[in-house]
């Protein structure tokens, strides 16, 4: 049974509303019965059945931020698009709140494909996905599982299973480090069970510490300022539950990425702290893959991680490339 959820009727995005597309709120459900909320963007005056794209991310963001910008812009370029909130976040359903799951969040992308496939104005043979940041990894995982996805883009991607299990730059990749992490998380489970609620891990640090590393400053500049703040965004506020990403340690994604037959475009900023995720994911994806010819890694010069959230004031998101990629591969 799906849930009833409340959707705002206000335009509360971090980007301006386009006059080139029509916008409406929609809902759909995944196979776990969780109702997902989305913004649908449709090109005005479209008459034929359209190619469609589902967009999600970044990890800890909501559809009113980067994913909505991508979705609206791609709709301006002729695609029917949805930007959706993942399970347990934003306007979507799922209890308890602020949890994440490698399985359920991959399923969220597949549920979006379910929904798009039955729309009267969508060609079900022409469906693609875009995942941003942590949902870039989920997008690749979905593409490895869902043969209906004809083209996938991962933008400024994180492999959330890798960073949770091994730390940034794999600095904590040892049995001892993982044991201490798991020990602390399991102690938190007891504390949460006793209290009857889940402790939040805290979003992006605020105020910003003077000695904060650059990537923390980069996130602060987006999530904690007028540029990207949103009241429903986890990263802008209290963050995920402390135990919210626990299962990522033990459930690595992308195990069969080198069996993806459909087209994949991975985009990352040259100066992003996270660029190694995309470089490694691309190398793993094309290794021994008989379908490597439709895979591409695009590095954006001088761009940092959040520049691919909203352009970073320098038009860093290669929307022309995205348009050509989807038109070429959703034909």
Protein backbone atom coordinates (compact mmCIF):
# COMPACT_ATOMS: atom_id res chain seq x y z
CA UNK A 1 0.00 0.00 0.00
CA UNK A 2 1.38 3.43 -0.95
CA UNK A 3 1.44 6.36 1.43
CA UNK A 4 -0.36 9.68 1.27
CA UNK A 5 2.07 12.57 1.27
CA UNK A 6 1.74 16.33 1.19
CA UNK A 7 3.25 18.30 -1.67
CA UNK A 8 3.89 22.03 -1.56
CA UNK A 9 2.06 24.09 -4.17
CA UNK A 10 4.72 26.82 -4.10
CA UNK A 11 7.69 27.26 -6.40
CA UNK A 12 10.38 26.88 -3.74
CA UNK A 13 13.37 25.93 -5.90
CA UNK A 14 16.91 27.26 -5.72
CA UNK A 15 16.66 28.14 -9.43
CA UNK A 16 14.34 30.32 -11.50
CA UNK A 17 11.24 28.87 -13.14
CA UNK A 18 11.48 28.42 -16.90
CA UNK A 19 8.77 29.70 -19.21
CA UNK A 20 9.76 27.13 -21.85
CA UNK A 21 8.34 24.14 -19.98
CA UNK A 22 5.28 23.16 -17.99
CA UNK A 23 5.76 22.00 -14.42
CA UNK A 24 3.63 19.85 -12.14
CA UNK A 25 4.03 17.73 -9.03
CA UNK A 26 3.64 13.96 -9.42
CA UNK A 27 3.99 10.89 -7.22
CA UNK A 28 4.85 7.26 -7.87
CA UNK A 29 5.75 4.27 -5.72
CA UNK A 30 8.64 1.87 -5.55
CA UNK A 31 8.31 -1.89 -5.01
CA UNK A 32 8.71 -1.43 -1.26
CA UNK A 33 5.49 0.57 -1.20
CA UNK A 34 7.20 3.89 -0.54
CA UNK A 35 5.60 6.86 -2.29
CA UNK A 36 8.09 9.11 -4.04
CA UNK A 37 7.49 12.78 -4.82
CA UNK A 38 8.75 14.36 -8.01
CA UNK A 39 8.63 17.50 -10.13
CA UNK A 40 7.74 16.78 -13.75
CA UNK A 41 8.95 19.13 -16.48
CA UNK A 42 7.47 18.87 -19.99
CA UNK A 43 8.46 20.89 -23.07
CA UNK A 44 5.68 23.24 -24.08
CA UNK A 45 3.80 22.43 -27.28
CA UNK A 46 5.21 18.91 -27.42
CA UNK A 47 2.99 16.71 -29.62
CA UNK A 48 4.86 13.46 -30.23
CA UNK A 49 5.83 10.91 -27.59
CA UNK A 50 8.97 12.10 -25.87
CA UNK A 51 12.19 10.60 -24.64
CA UNK A 52 12.27 10.85 -20.85
CA UNK A 53 14.91 11.32 -18.16
CA UNK A 54 14.71 10.73 -14.39
CA UNK A 55 17.08 12.81 -12.25
CA UNK A 56 18.14 12.44 -8.62
CA UNK A 57 20.82 13.76 -6.26
CA UNK A 58 23.05 15.00 -4.80
CA UNK A 59 23.33 12.75 -1.75
CA UNK A 60 21.53 14.62 1.02
CA UNK A 61 19.89 17.14 -1.31
CA UNK A 62 16.29 17.51 -2.51
CA UNK A 63 14.66 17.92 -5.91
CA UNK A 64 14.39 21.66 -5.39
CA UNK A 65 18.16 21.92 -5.68
CA UNK A 66 20.55 20.51 -8.32
CA UNK A 67 18.40 17.66 -9.67
CA UNK A 68 15.55 20.05 -10.42
CA UNK A 69 17.89 22.37 -12.28
CA UNK A 70 19.13 19.49 -14.43
CA UNK A 71 15.58 18.26 -15.03
CA UNK A 72 14.18 21.65 -16.00
CA UNK A 73 17.12 22.41 -18.29
CA UNK A 74 16.87 19.07 -20.07
CA UNK A 75 13.12 19.63 -20.52
CA UNK A 76 13.94 22.95 -22.18
CA UNK A 77 15.97 20.85 -24.62
CA UNK A 78 13.10 18.57 -25.57
CA UNK A 79 12.91 15.78 -23.00
CA UNK A 80 10.16 14.98 -20.53
CA UNK A 81 11.91 14.88 -17.18
CA UNK A 82 11.28 14.23 -13.51
CA UNK A 83 13.43 15.20 -10.54
CA UNK A 84 12.52 13.08 -7.53
CA UNK A 85 13.23 12.94 -3.82
CA UNK A 86 14.66 9.57 -2.76
CA UNK A 87 12.94 7.39 -0.17
CA UNK A 88 13.01 8.76 3.38
CA UNK A 89 13.88 12.32 2.29
CA UNK A 90 12.31 15.55 1.08
CA UNK A 91 8.63 15.27 0.20
CA UNK A 92 8.88 11.53 -0.44
CA UNK A 93 7.57 8.94 1.98
CA UNK A 94 9.39 6.35 4.02
CA UNK A 95 9.85 5.95 7.75
CA UNK A 96 11.97 6.56 9.69
CA UNK A 97 13.23 9.71 8.03
CA UNK A 98 16.76 10.45 6.82
CA UNK A 99 17.81 6.87 6.12
CA UNK A 100 19.68 5.63 3.03
CA UNK A 101 20.03 2.20 1.46
CA UNK A 102 22.09 0.92 -1.48
CA UNK A 103 19.18 -1.36 -2.39
CA UNK A 104 16.19 0.93 -1.84
CA UNK A 105 17.86 3.96 -3.41
CA UNK A 106 18.80 1.97 -6.51
CA UNK A 107 15.18 0.78 -6.57
CA UNK A 108 14.06 4.44 -6.46
CA UNK A 109 15.65 4.96 -9.90
CA UNK A 110 13.98 1.81 -11.21
CA UNK A 111 10.63 2.95 -9.83
CA UNK A 112 11.09 6.23 -11.70
CA UNK A 113 11.56 4.19 -14.87
CA UNK A 114 8.36 2.27 -14.06
CA UNK A 115 6.50 5.55 -13.75
CA UNK A 116 7.91 7.13 -16.90
CA UNK A 117 7.27 3.96 -18.92
CA UNK A 118 3.48 4.23 -18.52
CA UNK A 119 3.08 7.94 -19.26
CA UNK A 120 0.99 8.48 -22.38
CA UNK A 121 3.37 11.12 -23.74
CA UNK A 122 6.56 9.08 -23.17
CA UNK A 123 8.17 6.53 -25.48
CA UNK A 124 9.05 3.69 -23.06
CA UNK A 125 11.95 2.63 -25.28
CA UNK A 126 13.61 6.01 -24.80
CA UNK A 127 14.28 6.43 -21.08
CA UNK A 128 17.48 7.63 -19.45
CA UNK A 129 18.63 8.68 -15.99
CA UNK A 130 20.93 11.27 -14.44
CA UNK A 131 22.46 10.79 -10.99
CA UNK A 132 24.34 13.57 -9.23
CA UNK A 133 26.97 13.07 -6.50
CA UNK A 134 26.03 9.97 -4.45
CA UNK A 135 23.16 9.31 -6.82
CA UNK A 136 25.69 9.14 -9.63
CA UNK A 137 26.82 5.86 -8.11
CA UNK A 138 23.20 4.79 -7.70
CA UNK A 139 22.56 5.65 -11.36
CA UNK A 140 25.40 3.40 -12.51
CA UNK A 141 24.16 0.68 -10.19
CA UNK A 142 20.66 1.00 -11.65
CA UNK A 143 22.04 0.95 -15.20
CA UNK A 144 23.83 -2.32 -14.40
CA UNK A 145 20.53 -3.85 -13.25
CA UNK A 146 17.78 -2.27 -15.35
CA UNK A 147 17.84 -3.09 -19.06
CA UNK A 148 15.11 -0.49 -19.72
CA UNK A 149 17.61 2.31 -19.01
CA UNK A 150 19.04 3.13 -22.42
CA UNK A 151 21.41 5.90 -21.31
CA UNK A 152 22.80 6.97 -17.94
CA UNK A 153 24.77 10.01 -16.77
CA UNK A 154 26.72 10.18 -13.52
CA UNK A 155 27.69 13.76 -12.66
CA UNK A 156 30.30 14.61 -9.98
CA UNK A 157 29.70 11.10 -8.63
CA UNK A 158 30.42 9.51 -5.29
CA UNK A 159 30.49 5.78 -4.68
CA UNK A 160 28.83 6.01 -1.27
CA UNK A 161 29.60 2.38 -0.45
CA UNK A 162 33.30 2.95 -1.06
CA UNK A 163 33.59 6.12 1.00
CA UNK A 164 31.61 4.63 3.89
CA UNK A 165 33.70 1.46 3.95
CA UNK A 166 37.10 2.95 3.21
CA UNK A 167 36.96 6.66 4.00
CA UNK A 168 38.01 9.50 1.71
CA UNK A 169 40.78 8.50 -0.69
CA UNK A 170 40.58 5.02 0.88
CA UNK A 171 42.54 6.31 3.88
CA UNK A 172 40.59 4.08 6.30
CA UNK A 173 40.71 0.92 4.23
CA UNK A 174 41.62 -1.57 6.93
CA UNK A 175 39.85 -4.15 9.05
CA UNK A 176 40.78 -2.21 12.18
CA UNK A 177 39.30 1.08 10.95
CA UNK A 178 36.11 -0.58 9.76
CA UNK A 179 35.76 -2.44 13.05
CA UNK A 180 35.96 0.80 15.05
CA UNK A 181 33.43 2.44 12.75
CA UNK A 182 31.02 -0.49 13.07
CA UNK A 183 31.51 -0.63 16.83
CA UNK A 184 30.55 3.05 17.17
CA UNK A 185 27.53 2.67 14.88
CA UNK A 186 26.25 -0.35 16.76
CA UNK A 187 26.60 1.53 20.05
CA UNK A 188 24.53 4.30 18.46
CA UNK A 189 21.86 1.76 17.52
CA UNK A 190 21.43 0.87 21.20
CA UNK A 191 21.24 4.55 22.17
CA UNK A 192 18.64 5.18 19.45
CA UNK A 193 16.60 2.16 20.49
CA UNK A 194 16.55 3.31 24.10
CA UNK A 195 15.57 6.87 23.20
CA UNK A 196 12.96 5.86 20.67
CA UNK A 197 14.37 8.21 18.06
CA UNK A 198 17.30 8.41 15.68
CA UNK A 199 20.13 10.85 16.36
CA UNK A 200 21.06 13.09 13.45
CA UNK A 201 24.64 13.19 12.27
CA UNK A 202 24.58 16.89 11.45
CA UNK A 203 24.63 18.42 7.99
CA UNK A 204 27.38 20.60 6.56
CA UNK A 205 29.36 22.26 9.37
CA UNK A 206 27.97 25.66 10.35
CA UNK A 207 29.66 27.87 11.35
CA UNK A 208 32.48 26.84 9.06
CA UNK A 209 35.65 25.95 11.02
CA UNK A 210 38.68 28.06 10.10
CA UNK A 211 40.70 24.91 9.47
CA UNK A 212 38.01 23.20 7.38
CA UNK A 213 39.38 21.32 4.36
CA UNK A 214 38.54 22.71 0.94
CA UNK A 215 35.81 20.17 0.15
CA UNK A 216 33.94 21.16 3.33
CA UNK A 217 34.18 24.82 2.28
CA UNK A 218 32.92 23.79 -1.14
CA UNK A 219 29.84 22.12 0.38
CA UNK A 220 29.27 25.08 2.73
CA UNK A 221 29.29 27.49 -0.22
CA UNK A 222 26.45 25.54 -1.78
CA UNK A 223 24.30 24.09 1.00
CA UNK A 224 24.61 26.83 3.62
CA UNK A 225 24.28 29.95 1.48
CA UNK A 226 21.55 31.47 -0.64
CA UNK A 227 23.11 29.73 -3.62
CA UNK A 228 21.77 26.30 -2.66
CA UNK A 229 20.15 26.29 0.80
CA UNK A 230 16.78 24.57 1.08
CA UNK A 231 14.75 23.94 4.20
CA UNK A 232 14.08 20.28 3.29
CA UNK A 233 17.67 19.49 2.32
CA UNK A 234 19.45 17.18 4.76
CA UNK A 235 22.85 18.68 4.02
CA UNK A 236 21.52 22.20 4.52
CA UNK A 237 20.18 21.26 7.95
CA UNK A 238 20.55 18.33 10.37
CA UNK A 239 21.92 15.75 7.99
CA UNK A 240 21.35 12.01 7.79
CA UNK A 241 20.78 9.85 10.83
CA UNK A 242 24.06 8.78 12.42
CA UNK A 243 23.25 5.18 11.45
CA UNK A 244 21.55 6.18 8.21
CA UNK A 245 24.29 4.90 5.91
CA UNK A 246 25.45 1.93 7.99
CA UNK A 247 24.53 -0.73 5.43
CA UNK A 248 26.74 0.94 2.81
CA UNK A 249 29.80 -0.44 4.61
CA UNK A 250 28.80 -4.02 3.90
CA UNK A 251 26.97 -3.76 0.57
CA UNK A 252 29.25 -2.44 -2.17
CA UNK A 253 27.56 -1.31 -5.37
CA UNK A 254 28.96 -1.33 -8.94
CA UNK A 255 30.02 -5.00 -8.77
CA UNK A 256 28.78 -5.61 -12.30
CA UNK A 257 29.29 -2.18 -13.83
CA UNK A 258 31.51 -3.75 -16.52
CA UNK A 259 28.41 -5.58 -17.80
CA UNK A 260 26.47 -2.40 -18.58
CA UNK A 261 25.50 -2.52 -22.24
CA UNK A 262 23.67 0.81 -22.44
CA UNK A 263 25.38 4.15 -22.97
CA UNK A 264 27.05 5.83 -20.00
CA UNK A 265 28.53 9.30 -19.64
CA UNK A 266 30.48 10.11 -16.48
CA UNK A 267 31.19 13.80 -15.86
CA UNK A 268 33.45 15.24 -13.17
CA UNK A 269 35.30 18.42 -12.31
CA UNK A 270 39.06 18.35 -12.72
CA UNK A 271 39.66 19.96 -9.33
CA UNK A 272 36.92 18.13 -7.41
CA UNK A 273 38.12 16.24 -4.34
CA UNK A 274 35.80 13.44 -5.49
CA UNK A 275 37.15 13.07 -9.02
CA UNK A 276 38.85 9.76 -8.19
CA UNK A 277 35.43 8.12 -7.80
CA UNK A 278 34.59 8.83 -11.44
CA UNK A 279 38.02 7.98 -12.81
CA UNK A 280 38.02 4.63 -11.02
CA UNK A 281 34.37 3.87 -11.82
CA UNK A 282 35.00 4.52 -15.51
CA UNK A 283 38.10 2.31 -15.56
CA UNK A 284 36.23 -0.51 -13.83
CA UNK A 285 33.22 -0.10 -16.12
CA UNK A 286 35.13 -0.45 -19.39
CA UNK A 287 37.48 -3.23 -18.23
CA UNK A 288 36.62 -6.44 -20.11
CA UNK A 289 33.33 -4.84 -21.20
CA UNK A 290 32.28 -5.88 -24.70
CA UNK A 291 30.18 -2.70 -24.86
CA UNK A 292 32.87 -0.16 -23.97
CA UNK A 293 32.45 1.91 -27.12
CA UNK A 294 29.39 3.77 -25.79
CA UNK A 295 31.06 4.73 -22.48
CA UNK A 296 32.73 8.09 -21.89
CA UNK A 297 34.49 9.98 -19.11
CA UNK A 298 34.35 13.77 -19.44
CA UNK A 299 36.56 15.87 -17.15
CA UNK A 300 35.56 19.54 -16.85
CA UNK A 301 38.65 21.79 -16.58
CA UNK A 302 39.04 23.82 -13.35
CA UNK A 303 35.67 22.67 -11.96
CA UNK A 304 35.23 21.63 -8.32
CA UNK A 305 32.63 19.24 -6.92
CA UNK A 306 29.69 21.61 -6.46
CA UNK A 307 30.31 23.42 -9.75
CA UNK A 308 28.41 20.51 -11.30
CA UNK A 309 25.48 21.09 -8.93
CA UNK A 310 24.50 24.46 -10.39
CA UNK A 311 27.27 25.54 -12.72
CA UNK A 312 29.24 27.30 -9.99
CA UNK A 313 28.71 30.67 -11.65
CA UNK A 314 30.85 29.56 -14.60
CA UNK A 315 28.48 27.35 -16.62
CA UNK A 316 30.40 24.25 -15.59
CA UNK A 317 27.55 21.83 -16.35
CA UNK A 318 27.97 20.72 -20.00
CA UNK A 319 24.28 20.78 -20.93
CA UNK A 320 25.06 20.82 -24.66
CA UNK A 321 26.97 17.58 -24.19
CA UNK A 322 24.14 16.08 -22.13
CA UNK A 323 21.62 16.98 -24.81
CA UNK A 324 23.69 15.38 -27.57
CA UNK A 325 24.40 12.29 -25.44
CA UNK A 326 20.74 11.61 -24.74
CA UNK A 327 19.55 12.44 -28.25
CA UNK A 328 22.17 10.11 -29.71
CA UNK A 329 21.41 7.25 -27.35
CA UNK A 330 17.64 7.56 -26.88
CA UNK A 331 16.97 7.24 -30.59
